[in-house]
Amino acid sequence: MSPRKVNKEEKRREVALACFDLIHDVGMKNITVAQVAKAAGIGKGTVYEYFENKEDIIFEIINMHIEYHHQMFLEKIKNVKTTKEKVFHFFDFVMNDTEENIKHFNGYREYLSIVLAEENESMYNFNTSCSDFFQNQLRLIIEEGIEKDELLPIARDFVDGIMLFEKGVVLMKMTQNAFDAKYSCEKFINNLFKAIGKK
């Protein structure tokens, strides 16, 4: 009987899943191939059968984290009633100061520092696809709000502005100690809905 052929993409995901918490435990820049091999229960040489280098491993782990974040976002907004509440959930990543979320936020900060330092085309494309996901979700939320007669049609024109504001808040939170992201987001969303909400 011939040995089962291993699906390379599946194996990459299995290894990344086994190392899911490694990013938070040791930090992206400190991860070693030996640690990845140990966490995944495979030999160090086997790691290179599925990944080109350490950066490739980090990229795959981050990919899984982002997929998880996307799924959680969709799950959270599924049963939320009002458009305004859904937009608040859109900002949860930057407003939420629970220990678990801070861990993910700091991981994202480290990831961005690598992207900015490496000028990696794959990572740029990946960031674009992540932005596209959230922009599309935000458009759907706004469209639903217009259909439910909660928002004025002009609300469509604010999608890009909301996206840019969220990115700006993320940057401010990453770079300023005293910045109150929750207060800034609440103020922005409340004022936004005064402008685009139906009276």
Protein backbone atom coordinates (compact mmCIF):
# COMPACT_ATOMS: atom_id res chain seq x y z
CA MET A 1 0.00 0.00 0.00
CA SER A 2 1.46 3.38 -1.02
CA PRO A 3 1.77 6.13 1.62
CA ARG A 4 -0.97 8.76 1.70
CA LYS A 5 -0.04 11.87 -0.28
CA VAL A 6 0.13 14.91 1.98
CA ASN A 7 -1.75 18.01 0.83
CA LYS A 8 0.82 20.79 1.20
CA GLU A 9 -1.73 23.56 1.88
CA GLU A 10 -3.52 21.44 4.48
CA LYS A 11 -0.24 20.65 6.20
CA ARG A 12 0.76 24.34 6.21
CA ARG A 13 -2.52 25.13 7.95
CA GLU A 14 -2.04 22.28 10.44
CA VAL A 15 1.42 23.55 11.37
CA ALA A 16 0.14 27.15 11.63
CA LEU A 17 -2.78 26.03 13.79
CA ALA A 18 -0.40 24.18 16.13
CA CYS A 19 1.59 27.44 16.44
CA PHE A 20 -1.46 29.69 16.79
CA ASP A 21 -0.50 30.97 20.25
CA LEU A 22 3.25 30.99 19.63
CA ILE A 23 3.06 34.51 18.19
CA HIS A 24 1.69 35.85 21.48
CA ASP A 25 3.90 33.70 23.68
CA VAL A 26 7.28 34.59 22.14
CA GLY A 27 6.55 37.36 19.62
CA MET A 28 6.80 37.19 15.83
CA LYS A 29 10.36 38.43 15.63
CA ASN A 30 11.52 35.92 18.24
CA ILE A 31 9.89 32.79 16.81
CA THR A 32 12.41 30.17 15.73
CA VAL A 33 11.94 27.31 13.31
CA ALA A 34 12.85 24.94 16.17
CA GLN A 35 9.95 26.31 18.27
CA VAL A 36 7.57 25.91 15.31
CA ALA A 37 8.72 22.32 14.77
CA LYS A 38 8.29 21.50 18.46
CA ALA A 39 4.81 23.07 18.66
CA ALA A 40 3.72 21.21 15.51
CA GLY A 41 5.30 17.92 16.58
CA ILE A 42 7.45 17.61 13.45
CA GLY A 43 11.16 17.68 12.68
CA LYS A 44 12.89 20.99 12.00
CA GLY A 45 13.80 19.85 8.48
CA THR A 46 10.17 18.93 7.79
CA VAL A 47 9.13 22.55 8.44
CA TYR A 48 11.05 23.57 5.30
CA GLU A 49 9.04 21.11 3.22
CA TYR A 50 6.03 23.36 3.75
CA PHE A 51 7.52 26.82 4.35
CA GLU A 52 10.22 28.75 2.55
CA ASN A 53 11.49 30.57 5.64
CA LYS A 54 10.51 31.92 9.06
CA GLU A 55 8.62 34.87 7.51
CA ASP A 56 6.52 32.43 5.49
CA ILE A 57 5.56 30.63 8.72
CA ILE A 58 4.62 33.91 10.42
CA PHE A 59 2.56 34.93 7.39
CA GLU A 60 0.57 31.67 7.53
CA ILE A 61 -0.06 32.00 11.28
CA ILE A 62 -1.18 35.62 10.82
CA ASN A 63 -3.42 34.49 7.96
CA MET A 64 -5.17 32.10 10.35
CA HIS A 65 -5.51 34.81 13.01
CA ILE A 66 -7.13 37.16 10.48
CA GLU A 67 -9.49 34.43 9.24
CA TYR A 68 -10.50 33.81 12.84
CA HIS A 69 -11.06 37.55 13.39
CA HIS A 70 -13.21 37.73 10.23
CA GLN A 71 -15.35 34.80 11.40
CA MET A 72 -15.77 36.30 14.86
CA PHE A 73 -16.83 39.63 13.35
CA LEU A 74 -19.48 37.95 11.17
CA GLU A 75 -20.68 35.90 14.14
CA LYS A 76 -20.97 38.97 16.38
CA ILE A 77 -23.01 41.07 13.94
CA LYS A 78 -25.30 38.20 12.88
CA ASN A 79 -27.93 38.84 15.58
CA VAL A 80 -27.32 42.55 16.18
CA LYS A 81 -30.48 44.52 15.43
CA THR A 82 -29.54 48.12 14.62
CA THR A 83 -27.08 49.46 12.06
CA LYS A 84 -25.45 51.68 14.67
CA GLU A 85 -24.72 48.67 16.91
CA LYS A 86 -23.18 46.85 13.92
CA VAL A 87 -20.91 49.81 13.19
CA PHE A 88 -19.84 49.76 16.86
CA HIS A 89 -18.86 46.10 16.35
CA PHE A 90 -16.82 47.19 13.33
CA PHE A 91 -14.69 49.25 15.75
CA ASP A 92 -14.53 46.56 18.46
CA PHE A 93 -10.96 45.53 17.62
CA VAL A 94 -9.64 48.97 18.53
CA MET A 95 -12.13 49.73 21.35
CA ASN A 96 -12.03 46.42 23.20
CA ASP A 97 -9.48 46.46 26.04
CA THR A 98 -9.99 42.91 27.29
CA GLU A 99 -6.79 40.97 27.89
CA GLU A 100 -7.56 38.61 24.99
CA ASN A 101 -8.15 41.44 22.51
CA ILE A 102 -5.11 43.42 23.64
CA LYS A 103 -3.05 40.28 22.95
CA HIS A 104 -4.39 40.19 19.37
CA PHE A 105 -4.00 43.95 18.96
CA ASN A 106 -0.35 43.81 20.01
CA GLY A 107 0.20 40.88 17.63
CA TYR A 108 -1.26 42.99 14.84
CA ARG A 109 1.05 45.87 15.79
CA GLU A 110 4.08 43.58 15.52
CA TYR A 111 2.82 42.21 12.21
CA LEU A 112 2.46 45.75 10.79
CA SER A 113 5.99 46.62 11.89
CA ILE A 114 7.25 43.60 9.91
CA VAL A 115 5.16 44.57 6.85
CA LEU A 116 6.53 48.13 6.93
CA ALA A 117 10.11 46.95 7.38
CA GLU A 118 10.12 44.08 4.88
CA GLU A 119 8.22 45.59 1.90
CA ASN A 120 6.82 42.14 1.19
CA GLU A 121 4.48 42.05 -1.82
CA SER A 122 2.55 39.03 -0.50
CA MET A 123 1.90 40.79 2.79
CA TYR A 124 0.77 43.96 0.97
CA ASN A 125 -1.67 41.88 -1.08
CA PHE A 126 -2.86 40.13 2.06
CA ASN A 127 -3.47 43.48 3.81
CA THR A 128 -5.43 44.65 0.77
CA SER A 129 -7.65 41.55 0.87
CA CYS A 130 -8.27 42.11 4.61
CA SER A 131 -9.24 45.74 4.01
CA ASP A 132 -11.48 44.67 1.13
CA PHE A 133 -13.25 42.17 3.41
CA PHE A 134 -14.07 44.79 6.04
CA GLN A 135 -14.97 47.43 3.48
CA ASN A 136 -17.41 45.02 1.82
CA GLN A 137 -18.91 44.08 5.19
CA LEU A 138 -19.28 47.76 6.08
CA ARG A 139 -20.99 48.44 2.73
CA LEU A 140 -23.42 45.58 3.41
CA ILE A 141 -24.16 46.98 6.89
CA ILE A 142 -24.80 50.48 5.49
CA GLU A 143 -26.97 49.13 2.64
CA GLU A 144 -29.00 47.11 5.11
CA GLY A 145 -29.45 50.24 7.26
CA ILE A 146 -30.74 52.17 4.23
CA GLU A 147 -33.13 49.34 3.31
CA LYS A 148 -34.40 49.20 6.91
CA ASP A 149 -35.02 52.96 6.69
CA GLU A 150 -32.54 53.66 9.51
CA LEU A 151 -30.09 55.61 7.34
CA LEU A 152 -30.23 58.25 4.65
CA PRO A 153 -28.97 57.13 1.20
CA ILE A 154 -26.03 59.53 1.56
CA ALA A 155 -24.67 57.08 4.16
CA ARG A 156 -23.13 55.14 1.25
CA ASP A 157 -20.68 58.00 0.72
CA PHE A 158 -19.29 57.59 4.25
CA VAL A 159 -17.97 54.02 3.91
CA ASP A 160 -14.44 55.08 2.84
CA GLY A 161 -14.34 57.73 5.58
CA ILE A 162 -15.34 55.20 8.25
CA MET A 163 -12.60 52.84 7.03
CA LEU A 164 -9.97 55.58 7.12
CA PHE A 165 -11.07 56.74 10.57
CA GLU A 166 -10.76 53.18 11.93
CA LYS A 167 -7.25 52.84 10.45
CA GLY A 168 -6.31 56.19 11.98
CA VAL A 169 -7.60 55.16 15.42
CA VAL A 170 -5.60 51.92 15.20
CA LEU A 171 -2.46 53.91 14.42
CA MET A 172 -3.10 56.42 17.23
CA LYS A 173 -3.68 53.61 19.73
CA MET A 174 -0.45 51.94 18.63
CA THR A 175 1.67 55.07 18.90
CA GLN A 176 0.24 57.16 21.77
CA ASN A 177 0.06 56.15 25.43
CA ALA A 178 -2.70 58.51 26.50
CA PHE A 179 -4.96 58.04 23.47
CA ASP A 180 -8.52 56.99 24.42
CA ALA A 181 -9.63 54.90 21.44
CA LYS A 182 -13.01 54.00 22.94
CA TYR A 183 -13.95 57.64 23.60
CA SER A 184 -12.83 58.71 20.10
CA CYS A 185 -14.78 55.91 18.40
CA GLU A 186 -17.94 56.51 20.43
CA LYS A 187 -17.81 60.24 19.69
CA PHE A 188 -17.22 59.62 15.98
CA ILE A 189 -20.00 57.03 15.61
CA ASN A 190 -22.55 59.06 17.58
CA ASN A 191 -21.83 62.18 15.49
CA LEU A 192 -21.80 60.14 12.27
CA PHE A 193 -25.26 58.75 12.98
CA LYS A 194 -26.59 62.25 13.71
CA ALA A 195 -25.55 63.09 10.13
CA ILE A 196 -26.60 59.90 8.29
CA GLY A 197 -29.40 58.55 10.49
CA LYS A 198 -33.07 59.06 9.72
CA LYS A 199 -34.67 61.45 12.19
